[in-house]
N, C-alpha and C. Protein backbone atom coordinates (compact mmCIF):
# COMPACT_ATOMS: atom_id res chain seq x y z
N MET A 1 35.84 -57.16 -9.25
CA MET A 1 36.34 -57.19 -10.99
C MET A 1 37.13 -56.18 -11.92
N LYS A 2 37.79 -55.28 -10.56
CA LYS A 2 38.62 -54.13 -11.11
C LYS A 2 39.96 -55.16 -11.65
N SER A 3 40.33 -55.66 -9.93
CA SER A 3 41.39 -56.34 -10.11
C SER A 3 41.52 -57.48 -11.43
N GLU A 4 40.13 -57.94 -11.68
CA GLU A 4 40.73 -59.39 -12.53
C GLU A 4 40.74 -58.26 -14.03
N ARG A 5 40.31 -57.23 -14.19
CA ARG A 5 40.58 -56.70 -15.52
C ARG A 5 41.86 -55.95 -15.75
N LYS A 6 42.87 -55.45 -14.04
CA LYS A 6 43.67 -55.67 -14.58
C LYS A 6 44.70 -56.35 -14.72
N MET A 7 44.35 -57.74 -14.50
CA MET A 7 45.27 -58.83 -15.17
C MET A 7 44.97 -59.63 -16.50
N LEU A 8 43.91 -59.23 -17.01
CA LEU A 8 43.49 -59.27 -18.52
C LEU A 8 44.17 -58.66 -19.01
N LEU A 9 44.04 -57.22 -18.87
CA LEU A 9 44.73 -56.39 -20.13
C LEU A 9 46.34 -56.78 -20.48
N PRO A 10 46.85 -56.94 -19.30
CA PRO A 10 48.60 -57.71 -19.47
C PRO A 10 48.36 -59.06 -20.14
N CYS A 11 47.44 -59.88 -19.49
CA CYS A 11 48.15 -60.95 -20.51
C CYS A 11 47.52 -61.02 -21.85
N LEU A 12 46.42 -60.24 -21.89
CA LEU A 12 46.23 -59.96 -24.10
C LEU A 12 47.04 -59.10 -24.62
N ALA A 13 48.25 -58.77 -23.32
CA ALA A 13 49.04 -57.24 -24.39
C ALA A 13 50.03 -58.05 -24.79
N LEU A 14 50.64 -59.21 -23.41
CA LEU A 14 52.14 -59.61 -24.08
C LEU A 14 52.18 -60.66 -25.56
N PRO A 15 51.19 -61.01 -25.55
CA PRO A 15 51.63 -62.12 -26.81
C PRO A 15 51.37 -61.16 -28.08
N LEU A 16 50.18 -60.13 -28.01
CA LEU A 16 50.06 -59.30 -29.09
C LEU A 16 51.56 -58.39 -29.04
N ALA A 17 52.25 -57.74 -28.03
CA ALA A 17 53.47 -57.09 -27.87
C ALA A 17 54.60 -58.13 -28.46
N VAL A 18 54.83 -58.87 -27.68
CA VAL A 18 55.36 -60.12 -28.60
C VAL A 18 55.73 -60.36 -30.62
N SER A 19 54.69 -60.70 -30.84
CA SER A 19 54.08 -60.51 -32.09
C SER A 19 54.13 -59.06 -32.70
N ALA A 20 54.36 -58.41 -32.35
CA ALA A 20 54.11 -56.78 -32.73
C ALA A 20 55.91 -56.75 -32.99
N LEU A 21 56.66 -56.75 -31.95
CA LEU A 21 58.16 -56.73 -31.92
C LEU A 21 58.66 -57.94 -33.10
N SER A 22 58.24 -58.67 -32.85
CA SER A 22 58.42 -60.30 -34.01
C SER A 22 58.18 -59.35 -35.46
N ALA A 23 56.99 -58.38 -35.54
CA ALA A 23 57.17 -58.09 -37.08
C ALA A 23 57.87 -56.90 -37.18
N LEU A 24 58.32 -56.24 -36.59
CA LEU A 24 58.99 -54.74 -36.24
C LEU A 24 60.28 -55.13 -36.50
N LEU A 25 60.48 -56.83 -35.72
CA LEU A 25 62.69 -56.89 -36.56
C LEU A 25 62.69 -57.37 -37.27
N THR A 26 61.46 -58.01 -37.72
CA THR A 26 61.46 -58.88 -39.43
C THR A 26 61.27 -57.42 -41.01
N GLY A 27 60.82 -56.85 -40.37
CA GLY A 27 60.67 -55.42 -40.76
C GLY A 27 59.89 -55.71 -42.33
N GLY A 28 60.13 -55.40 -43.72
CA GLY A 28 59.40 -55.85 -44.41
C GLY A 28 60.09 -57.49 -45.38
N ALA A 29 60.64 -58.33 -44.13
CA ALA A 29 60.95 -59.06 -45.09
C ALA A 29 60.42 -59.96 -45.49
N GLY A 30 59.43 -60.08 -45.26
CA GLY A 30 57.57 -60.75 -45.57
C GLY A 30 57.43 -60.72 -46.77
N ASN A 31 57.71 -59.64 -47.24
CA ASN A 31 56.61 -60.26 -48.60
C ASN A 31 58.31 -60.47 -49.78
N GLY A 32 59.29 -60.87 -48.90
CA GLY A 32 60.02 -61.91 -49.67
C GLY A 32 58.96 -63.75 -49.82
N TYR A 33 58.16 -63.93 -48.83
CA TYR A 33 57.35 -64.73 -48.89
C TYR A 33 56.62 -64.82 -50.04
N ALA A 34 55.97 -63.96 -50.66
CA ALA A 34 55.42 -63.43 -51.91
C ALA A 34 56.09 -64.00 -52.99
N SER A 35 56.96 -64.03 -52.92
CA SER A 35 57.98 -64.20 -54.15
C SER A 35 58.94 -65.28 -54.23
N CYS A 36 58.03 -66.23 -53.78
CA CYS A 36 58.16 -67.52 -53.58
C CYS A 36 57.70 -68.26 -53.65
N GLU A 37 58.17 -69.80 -54.73
CA GLU A 37 56.90 -70.58 -55.40
C GLU A 37 56.50 -71.00 -54.25
N LEU A 38 54.84 -71.41 -53.82
CA LEU A 38 54.39 -71.06 -52.97
C LEU A 38 53.50 -73.09 -52.93
N PRO A 39 53.65 -73.60 -51.81
CA PRO A 39 52.95 -74.76 -51.45
C PRO A 39 50.88 -74.69 -52.28
N PRO A 40 50.38 -75.79 -51.96
CA PRO A 40 49.11 -75.72 -52.31
C PRO A 40 49.06 -75.80 -51.00
N LEU A 41 47.71 -75.30 -50.64
CA LEU A 41 47.05 -74.46 -49.75
C LEU A 41 47.87 -73.73 -48.74
N ALA A 42 48.89 -72.63 -49.49
CA ALA A 42 49.33 -71.79 -48.95
C ALA A 42 48.27 -70.17 -48.78
N PRO A 43 48.06 -69.54 -47.89
CA PRO A 43 47.12 -68.41 -47.79
C PRO A 43 47.62 -67.50 -48.41
N PRO A 44 47.12 -66.85 -48.39
CA PRO A 44 47.42 -65.12 -49.10
C PRO A 44 47.83 -64.62 -48.20
N GLY A 45 48.70 -63.69 -48.67
CA GLY A 45 49.70 -63.19 -47.06
C GLY A 45 48.50 -62.43 -46.14
N TRP A 46 47.37 -61.36 -46.50
CA TRP A 46 46.99 -60.60 -45.68
C TRP A 46 46.34 -61.81 -44.61
N VAL A 47 46.39 -62.94 -44.62
CA VAL A 47 45.50 -64.35 -43.57
C VAL A 47 46.70 -64.34 -42.09
N PHE A 48 47.98 -64.39 -42.88
CA PHE A 48 48.76 -64.14 -41.90
C PHE A 48 48.74 -63.33 -40.35
N PRO A 49 48.75 -62.35 -40.90
CA PRO A 49 48.22 -61.58 -39.24
C PRO A 49 47.37 -61.81 -38.34
N VAL A 50 46.11 -61.65 -39.64
CA VAL A 50 44.71 -62.01 -39.23
C VAL A 50 44.75 -62.75 -37.91
N VAL A 51 44.90 -63.96 -38.09
CA VAL A 51 45.17 -65.18 -37.86
C VAL A 51 46.18 -65.30 -36.39
N ARG A 52 46.87 -64.45 -36.72
CA ARG A 52 47.83 -64.38 -35.82
C ARG A 52 48.13 -63.49 -34.82
N THR A 53 46.94 -62.28 -34.89
CA THR A 53 46.44 -61.65 -33.84
C THR A 53 45.15 -62.42 -32.96
N LEU A 54 44.20 -63.06 -33.92
CA LEU A 54 43.60 -64.05 -33.32
C LEU A 54 43.76 -65.22 -32.14
N LEU A 55 44.97 -65.31 -32.65
CA LEU A 55 45.72 -66.20 -31.66
C LEU A 55 46.54 -65.51 -30.58
N CYS A 56 46.78 -64.57 -30.42
CA CYS A 56 47.52 -63.88 -29.82
C CYS A 56 46.20 -63.82 -28.72
N LEU A 57 45.25 -63.40 -29.04
CA LEU A 57 44.23 -63.14 -27.72
C LEU A 57 43.74 -64.19 -27.42
N LEU A 58 43.57 -65.18 -28.25
CA LEU A 58 42.95 -66.61 -27.84
C LEU A 58 44.04 -67.07 -26.50
N MET A 59 45.60 -66.70 -26.45
CA MET A 59 46.99 -67.66 -25.88
C MET A 59 46.33 -66.49 -24.45
N GLY A 60 46.67 -65.08 -24.65
CA GLY A 60 46.57 -64.49 -23.71
C GLY A 60 45.38 -64.17 -22.90
N LEU A 61 43.79 -64.69 -23.43
CA LEU A 61 42.79 -65.27 -22.85
C LEU A 61 42.88 -66.22 -22.51
N SER A 62 43.51 -67.36 -22.66
CA SER A 62 43.84 -68.85 -21.93
C SER A 62 44.72 -68.83 -20.83
N SER A 63 46.47 -67.47 -21.00
CA SER A 63 46.92 -67.39 -19.89
C SER A 63 46.36 -67.12 -18.66
N TYR A 64 45.09 -65.92 -18.87
CA TYR A 64 44.56 -64.70 -17.77
C TYR A 64 43.62 -66.18 -17.24
N LEU A 65 42.86 -67.10 -17.64
CA LEU A 65 42.31 -68.47 -17.56
C LEU A 65 43.03 -69.18 -16.44
N ALA A 66 44.23 -69.72 -16.91
CA ALA A 66 45.27 -70.53 -16.16
C ALA A 66 45.92 -69.68 -14.90
N LEU A 67 46.11 -68.23 -15.05
CA LEU A 67 46.96 -68.02 -14.13
C LEU A 67 45.63 -67.31 -12.92
N ARG A 68 44.57 -67.55 -12.98
CA ARG A 68 44.20 -67.10 -12.15
C ARG A 68 43.18 -67.73 -11.10
N VAL A 69 43.09 -69.41 -12.00
CA VAL A 69 42.52 -70.41 -10.76
C VAL A 69 43.17 -70.28 -9.31
N ARG A 70 42.71 -71.30 -8.73
CA ARG A 70 43.44 -72.16 -7.66
C ARG A 70 44.08 -72.47 -8.02
N ALA A 71 45.18 -72.79 -7.48
CA ALA A 71 46.52 -73.65 -7.76
C ALA A 71 47.39 -73.67 -7.33
N PRO A 72 48.11 -74.84 -6.82
CA PRO A 72 49.91 -74.41 -5.94
C PRO A 72 50.44 -74.07 -6.96
N GLN A 73 50.93 -72.63 -6.64
CA GLN A 73 52.04 -71.50 -6.95
C GLN A 73 53.00 -72.67 -7.61
N GLN A 74 53.53 -73.25 -7.68
CA GLN A 74 53.99 -74.48 -7.96
C GLN A 74 54.19 -74.69 -9.41
N GLU A 75 52.91 -75.30 -9.81
CA GLU A 75 51.70 -75.89 -10.98
C GLU A 75 51.95 -74.65 -12.01
N LYS A 76 51.42 -73.25 -11.09
CA LYS A 76 51.27 -72.29 -11.94
C LYS A 76 52.81 -71.40 -12.01
N ARG A 77 53.16 -71.51 -11.78
CA ARG A 77 54.40 -70.99 -11.81
C ARG A 77 54.81 -71.91 -13.85
N SER A 78 55.19 -73.61 -13.11
CA SER A 78 55.94 -73.96 -14.10
C SER A 78 55.37 -73.73 -15.58
N ALA A 79 53.60 -73.44 -15.45
CA ALA A 79 52.36 -73.32 -16.74
C ALA A 79 53.47 -71.45 -17.07
N ALA A 80 53.41 -71.21 -16.27
CA ALA A 80 53.52 -69.67 -16.76
C ALA A 80 55.08 -69.51 -17.41
N TRP A 81 56.13 -70.38 -16.96
CA TRP A 81 57.53 -70.96 -17.57
C TRP A 81 57.12 -70.99 -18.98
N LEU A 82 56.74 -71.75 -19.40
CA LEU A 82 56.75 -72.89 -20.07
C LEU A 82 55.90 -71.79 -21.60
N TYR A 83 55.14 -70.99 -20.82
CA TYR A 83 54.25 -70.13 -21.65
C TYR A 83 55.15 -69.52 -22.40
N LEU A 84 56.20 -68.50 -21.28
CA LEU A 84 56.77 -67.08 -21.59
C LEU A 84 57.88 -68.02 -22.59
N ALA A 85 58.44 -69.33 -22.67
CA ALA A 85 59.48 -70.20 -23.52
C ALA A 85 58.63 -70.01 -24.66
N GLN A 86 57.67 -70.44 -25.15
CA GLN A 86 57.01 -70.45 -26.11
C GLN A 86 56.81 -69.01 -27.07
N LEU A 87 56.54 -68.07 -25.91
CA LEU A 87 56.31 -66.72 -26.54
C LEU A 87 58.14 -66.35 -26.93
N ALA A 88 58.81 -66.75 -26.57
CA ALA A 88 60.34 -66.31 -26.66
C ALA A 88 60.42 -67.09 -27.99
N VAL A 89 60.50 -68.56 -27.68
CA VAL A 89 60.84 -69.18 -29.56
C VAL A 89 59.85 -68.74 -30.59
N SER A 90 58.92 -68.25 -30.45
CA SER A 90 57.59 -67.39 -31.58
C SER A 90 58.34 -66.44 -31.87
N LEU A 91 58.85 -65.72 -30.61
CA LEU A 91 59.86 -64.61 -31.09
C LEU A 91 60.46 -64.56 -32.33
N ILE A 92 61.28 -65.62 -32.05
CA ILE A 92 62.63 -65.70 -32.69
C ILE A 92 62.23 -66.35 -34.65
N TRP A 93 61.13 -66.95 -34.72
CA TRP A 93 60.74 -68.06 -36.09
C TRP A 93 60.93 -66.62 -36.93
N PRO A 94 60.12 -65.78 -36.68
CA PRO A 94 59.71 -65.15 -38.33
C PRO A 94 61.23 -64.53 -38.53
N ILE A 95 62.16 -64.05 -37.55
CA ILE A 95 63.46 -63.75 -38.04
C ILE A 95 64.00 -64.98 -38.88
N LEU A 96 64.20 -65.72 -38.21
CA LEU A 96 64.58 -67.24 -38.48
C LEU A 96 64.40 -66.93 -40.36
N PHE A 97 62.80 -67.01 -40.44
CA PHE A 97 62.39 -67.35 -41.69
C PHE A 97 62.38 -66.43 -42.43
N PHE A 98 62.34 -64.83 -42.27
CA PHE A 98 61.82 -63.98 -43.36
C PHE A 98 63.23 -63.55 -43.10
N ARG A 99 63.50 -62.79 -42.05
CA ARG A 99 64.72 -61.55 -41.60
C ARG A 99 65.56 -62.81 -43.17
N LEU A 100 66.54 -63.53 -41.89
CA LEU A 100 67.54 -64.27 -42.50
C LEU A 100 67.45 -65.43 -43.37
N GLY A 101 66.44 -65.92 -43.82
CA GLY A 101 66.04 -67.13 -45.33
C GLY A 101 66.12 -68.02 -44.73
N TRP A 102 66.37 -68.41 -43.58
CA TRP A 102 67.37 -69.77 -42.64
C TRP A 102 66.20 -70.72 -43.19
N ARG A 103 65.62 -70.98 -43.74
CA ARG A 103 64.04 -71.77 -43.67
C ARG A 103 64.47 -73.58 -43.22
N LEU A 104 65.43 -73.91 -43.45
CA LEU A 104 65.64 -75.11 -42.89
C LEU A 104 65.56 -75.53 -41.17
N PHE A 105 66.47 -74.16 -40.94
CA PHE A 105 67.09 -74.24 -39.44
C PHE A 105 65.22 -73.51 -38.93
N ALA A 106 65.12 -72.89 -39.59
CA ALA A 106 63.30 -72.14 -39.38
C ALA A 106 62.29 -73.74 -39.14
N PHE A 107 62.05 -74.48 -39.62
CA PHE A 107 61.52 -75.23 -40.00
C PHE A 107 61.60 -76.23 -38.07
N PHE A 108 62.51 -76.20 -38.53
CA PHE A 108 63.41 -76.86 -36.84
C PHE A 108 62.79 -76.29 -35.66
N TRP A 109 63.16 -74.96 -35.67
CA TRP A 109 62.76 -74.06 -34.54
C TRP A 109 61.20 -74.39 -33.95
N LEU A 110 60.56 -73.81 -35.78
CA LEU A 110 59.06 -74.20 -35.38
C LEU A 110 58.75 -75.82 -34.56
N MET A 111 59.26 -76.52 -35.39
CA MET A 111 58.82 -78.06 -34.51
C MET A 111 59.23 -77.58 -32.47
N LEU A 112 60.21 -77.39 -32.59
CA LEU A 112 60.36 -76.72 -31.17
C LEU A 112 59.11 -75.72 -30.05
N LEU A 113 58.77 -74.76 -31.11
CA LEU A 113 57.80 -73.95 -31.47
C LEU A 113 56.42 -74.65 -30.78
N TRP A 114 56.48 -75.75 -32.02
CA TRP A 114 55.19 -76.72 -31.22
C TRP A 114 55.06 -77.86 -30.38
N LEU A 115 55.94 -78.07 -30.37
CA LEU A 115 56.31 -78.76 -28.71
C LEU A 115 56.42 -77.82 -27.35
N LEU A 116 56.63 -76.37 -27.41
CA LEU A 116 56.68 -75.83 -26.53
C LEU A 116 55.02 -75.64 -26.25
N ALA A 117 54.25 -75.45 -27.16
CA ALA A 117 53.09 -75.40 -27.16
C ALA A 117 51.97 -75.89 -27.01
N LEU A 118 52.54 -77.04 -27.14
CA LEU A 118 51.95 -78.48 -26.59
C LEU A 118 52.43 -78.70 -25.17
N LEU A 119 53.26 -78.78 -24.91
CA LEU A 119 53.66 -78.81 -22.89
C LEU A 119 52.69 -77.34 -22.56
N THR A 120 52.73 -76.40 -23.10
CA THR A 120 51.75 -75.43 -22.21
C THR A 120 50.53 -75.43 -22.74
N GLN A 121 49.67 -75.98 -23.32
CA GLN A 121 48.54 -76.45 -23.43
C GLN A 121 48.58 -77.34 -22.63
N ASN A 122 49.21 -78.44 -22.43
CA ASN A 122 48.68 -79.69 -21.32
C ASN A 122 49.09 -78.92 -19.86
N ALA A 123 49.77 -78.03 -19.72
CA ALA A 123 50.29 -77.55 -18.51
C ALA A 123 49.02 -76.52 -18.26
N PHE A 124 48.33 -76.05 -19.10
CA PHE A 124 47.21 -74.90 -18.81
C PHE A 124 45.93 -75.31 -18.69
N SER A 125 45.77 -76.76 -19.44
CA SER A 125 44.30 -77.94 -19.16
C SER A 125 44.94 -78.29 -17.74
N ARG A 126 45.45 -78.20 -16.93
CA ARG A 126 45.42 -78.70 -15.71
C ARG A 126 45.43 -77.91 -15.12
N LEU A 127 45.33 -76.65 -15.38
CA LEU A 127 44.91 -75.43 -14.62
C LEU A 127 43.75 -75.44 -14.90
N SER A 128 43.36 -75.09 -16.05
CA SER A 128 41.53 -74.67 -16.48
C SER A 128 41.65 -75.43 -18.32
N ARG A 129 40.29 -76.37 -17.64
CA ARG A 129 40.33 -76.93 -19.17
C ARG A 129 39.62 -75.90 -20.23
N THR A 130 38.93 -75.10 -20.29
CA THR A 130 39.15 -74.23 -20.89
C THR A 130 40.04 -73.24 -20.93
N ALA A 131 41.61 -73.00 -20.68
CA ALA A 131 42.53 -72.22 -20.80
C ALA A 131 43.27 -73.25 -22.21
N GLY A 132 43.28 -74.51 -21.62
CA GLY A 132 43.53 -75.80 -22.28
C GLY A 132 43.33 -75.34 -23.93
N TYR A 133 41.43 -75.70 -23.97
CA TYR A 133 40.88 -75.74 -25.20
C TYR A 133 41.74 -74.51 -26.03
N LEU A 134 41.34 -73.60 -25.88
CA LEU A 134 41.69 -72.13 -26.44
C LEU A 134 43.18 -72.09 -26.91
N LEU A 135 44.11 -72.73 -26.31
CA LEU A 135 45.26 -72.62 -27.37
C LEU A 135 45.38 -74.45 -28.08
N LEU A 136 44.31 -74.64 -28.65
CA LEU A 136 44.01 -76.22 -29.62
C LEU A 136 44.49 -75.10 -31.26
N PRO A 137 43.90 -73.71 -31.34
CA PRO A 137 43.72 -73.25 -32.59
C PRO A 137 45.42 -73.06 -32.68
N GLN A 138 46.33 -72.27 -31.78
CA GLN A 138 47.65 -72.01 -31.97
C GLN A 138 48.15 -73.44 -32.50
N LEU A 139 47.94 -75.08 -31.79
CA LEU A 139 48.76 -76.33 -32.40
C LEU A 139 48.51 -76.52 -33.59
N LEU A 140 47.06 -76.56 -34.11
CA LEU A 140 47.17 -76.60 -35.28
C LEU A 140 47.63 -75.81 -36.68
N TRP A 141 47.54 -73.95 -35.60
CA TRP A 141 48.32 -73.05 -37.26
C TRP A 141 49.90 -73.55 -36.91
N VAL A 142 50.11 -73.78 -35.82
CA VAL A 142 51.89 -74.13 -35.76
C VAL A 142 51.69 -75.64 -36.82
N ALA A 143 51.35 -76.52 -36.20
CA ALA A 143 51.80 -77.48 -37.32
C ALA A 143 51.39 -77.27 -38.52
N PHE A 144 50.05 -76.17 -38.93
CA PHE A 144 49.97 -76.02 -40.53
C PHE A 144 51.16 -74.91 -40.86
N SER A 145 52.14 -74.03 -39.90
CA SER A 145 53.14 -73.45 -40.74
C SER A 145 54.65 -74.47 -40.84
N GLY A 146 54.22 -75.55 -40.31
CA GLY A 146 55.25 -75.97 -40.42
C GLY A 146 54.96 -77.13 -41.63
N TYR A 147 54.05 -77.55 -42.11
CA TYR A 147 54.27 -77.53 -43.33
C TYR A 147 54.63 -76.69 -44.90
N LEU A 148 53.88 -75.41 -44.23
CA LEU A 148 54.31 -73.93 -45.13
C LEU A 148 55.82 -74.43 -45.19
N ASN A 149 56.28 -73.88 -43.90
CA ASN A 149 57.85 -73.59 -44.01
C ASN A 149 58.60 -74.76 -44.69
N LEU A 150 58.21 -75.84 -44.24
CA LEU A 150 59.14 -77.18 -45.26
C LEU A 150 58.90 -76.74 -46.43
N THR A 151 57.84 -76.68 -46.75
CA THR A 151 57.36 -76.88 -48.33
C THR A 151 57.89 -75.61 -49.16
N VAL A 152 58.30 -74.72 -48.15
CA VAL A 152 58.47 -73.43 -48.82
C VAL A 152 60.08 -73.51 -49.27
N TRP A 153 60.78 -74.30 -48.49
CA TRP A 153 62.23 -74.87 -47.81
C TRP A 153 62.53 -75.59 -49.37
N MET A 154 61.71 -76.75 -49.81
CA MET A 154 61.46 -77.17 -50.79
C MET A 154 61.38 -77.42 -51.88
N LEU A 155 60.00 -76.22 -52.10
CA LEU A 155 60.06 -75.61 -53.10
C LEU A 155 61.57 -74.16 -53.78
N ASN A 156 61.94 -73.94 -52.86
CA ASN A 156 62.94 -73.20 -53.01
C ASN A 156 64.05 -73.15 -53.22
């Protein structure tokens, strides 16, 4: 049990740390979002950190479930690399959108994130059905974020 906790904590901490680093690197640049003309269905600003935290916890739990199952090491390694690539891409998107204001480029970057999230979800599903299900909210949120990103670019 103790060794499982040792594995769970880093799995939970990694996506939270990536999200925190992304927030740190963008600073208060997210405040500019509120001054934009926003599309219909745009949630209030406080929703984003709450949803992001929940998604990070789900991603961390999903990675824990996927990596602890008995499966060929190569399959687990491939899934882990997809997961790490997804985290790296998600680290950069807020910098592109908020800090640099490259909203159209950020939209295409977000589509790359969605593709990596889908590939990760598929890879984790092959390892653990539950791990795959836990990534579905992230896929939905990234798709919704794509709608927000593109329409903010169009309106502004």
